[in-house]
Amino acid sequence: MDERQVIAMSDIPARLRALIEAVHLRDEPCFVVDGQNVRAVLLGAEAYDALIERLEDLEDSLSILEAHESGEPTRSLDEYLREQGATQDIGVSR
């Protein structure tokens, strides 16, 4: 992202459709400002989904690290799937 796209809150009603298309096509956010303050961020659906997925991955990693640090027993995904008998159910091939 070379330069942030910024729009005044007062310009939103007249330009909403164009803004939605722009954030979708560019896959970059648009910052909505009121005076000098950022009030919102307009983000395309794919970028939002990727952000949420990344956050969930980081939360999972943190949970694993915390469990490891506290001495809780952990197991690999392969071990868990074997225990659940899920390898056949979800199409995981080995």
Protein backbone atom coordinates (compact mmCIF):
# COMPACT_ATOMS: atom_id res chain seq x y z
CA MET A 1 0.00 0.00 0.00
CA ASP A 2 1.83 3.07 -1.25
CA GLU A 3 -0.60 5.76 -0.19
CA ARG A 4 -3.59 5.50 2.10
CA GLN A 5 -6.96 6.14 0.58
CA VAL A 6 -8.78 8.64 2.78
CA ILE A 7 -12.26 10.09 2.46
CA ALA A 8 -14.12 12.66 4.53
CA MET A 9 -17.16 11.34 6.34
CA SER A 10 -19.28 14.02 4.68
CA ASP A 11 -18.37 12.60 1.23
CA ILE A 12 -19.51 9.05 2.05
CA PRO A 13 -23.19 9.28 1.00
CA ALA A 14 -22.43 10.52 -2.49
CA ARG A 15 -19.51 8.16 -3.08
CA LEU A 16 -20.39 4.97 -1.18
CA ARG A 17 -20.93 2.73 -4.21
CA ALA A 18 -17.63 3.87 -5.81
CA LEU A 19 -15.77 3.41 -2.52
CA ILE A 20 -17.05 -0.13 -2.11
CA GLU A 21 -15.92 -0.98 -5.64
CA ALA A 22 -12.53 0.65 -5.03
CA VAL A 23 -11.77 -1.28 -1.84
CA HIS A 24 -12.95 -4.47 -3.50
CA LEU A 25 -10.81 -4.03 -6.62
CA ARG A 26 -7.70 -2.64 -4.96
CA ASP A 27 -7.89 -4.94 -1.94
CA GLU A 28 -6.80 -1.96 0.18
CA PRO A 29 -8.70 -0.18 2.94
CA CYS A 30 -10.18 3.29 2.79
CA PHE A 31 -9.95 5.40 5.95
CA VAL A 32 -13.00 7.52 6.78
CA VAL A 33 -12.03 10.74 8.53
CA ASP A 34 -13.95 13.41 10.38
CA GLY A 35 -11.68 16.41 10.57
CA GLN A 36 -8.31 15.03 11.63
CA ASN A 37 -9.66 11.85 13.24
CA VAL A 38 -10.02 8.45 11.60
CA ARG A 39 -13.55 7.27 12.45
CA ALA A 40 -13.83 4.07 10.42
CA VAL A 41 -12.09 1.83 7.92
CA LEU A 42 -13.85 0.53 4.83
CA LEU A 43 -12.45 -2.86 3.88
CA GLY A 44 -13.36 -5.27 1.09
CA ALA A 45 -14.92 -8.60 2.07
CA GLU A 46 -11.96 -10.71 0.91
CA ALA A 47 -9.48 -8.54 2.80
CA TYR A 48 -11.69 -8.72 5.88
CA ASP A 49 -11.94 -12.52 5.65
CA ALA A 50 -8.16 -12.81 5.27
CA LEU A 51 -7.63 -10.54 8.27
CA ILE A 52 -10.01 -12.58 10.43
CA GLU A 53 -8.42 -15.85 9.33
CA ARG A 54 -4.97 -14.50 10.17
CA LEU A 55 -6.20 -13.35 13.57
CA GLU A 56 -7.71 -16.77 14.30
CA ASP A 57 -4.44 -18.46 13.29
CA LEU A 58 -2.50 -16.17 15.62
CA GLU A 59 -4.94 -16.85 18.45
CA ASP A 60 -4.55 -20.60 17.90
CA SER A 61 -0.76 -20.25 17.90
CA LEU A 62 -0.90 -18.24 21.12
CA SER A 63 -3.12 -20.87 22.76
CA ILE A 64 -0.69 -23.60 21.80
CA LEU A 65 2.27 -21.59 23.11
CA GLU A 66 0.46 -20.84 26.38
CA ALA A 67 -0.42 -24.51 26.82
CA HIS A 68 3.17 -25.51 26.14
CA GLU A 69 4.56 -22.86 28.51
CA SER A 70 2.20 -23.94 31.32
CA GLY A 71 3.17 -27.57 30.90
CA GLU A 72 -0.21 -28.69 29.61
CA PRO A 73 -0.02 -31.84 27.53
CA THR A 74 -0.41 -31.14 23.84
CA ARG A 75 -0.74 -33.33 20.78
CA SER A 76 -0.35 -32.84 17.07
CA LEU A 77 -3.28 -32.45 14.69
CA ASP A 78 -2.48 -35.88 13.23
CA GLU A 79 -2.73 -37.44 16.70
CA TYR A 80 -6.01 -35.66 17.38
CA LEU A 81 -7.49 -36.76 14.06
CA ARG A 82 -6.44 -40.36 14.66
CA GLU A 83 -8.05 -40.27 18.09
CA GLN A 84 -11.28 -38.89 16.63
CA GLY A 85 -11.25 -41.24 13.67
CA ALA A 86 -11.71 -38.17 11.50
CA THR A 87 -9.12 -38.84 8.81
CA GLN A 88 -11.63 -40.80 6.74
CA ASP A 89 -14.53 -38.44 7.47
CA ILE A 90 -12.89 -35.24 6.19
CA GLY A 91 -10.97 -36.72 3.30
CA VAL A 92 -7.48 -36.30 4.72
CA SER A 93 -5.12 -38.45 2.71
CA ARG A 94 -1.85 -39.84 4.00
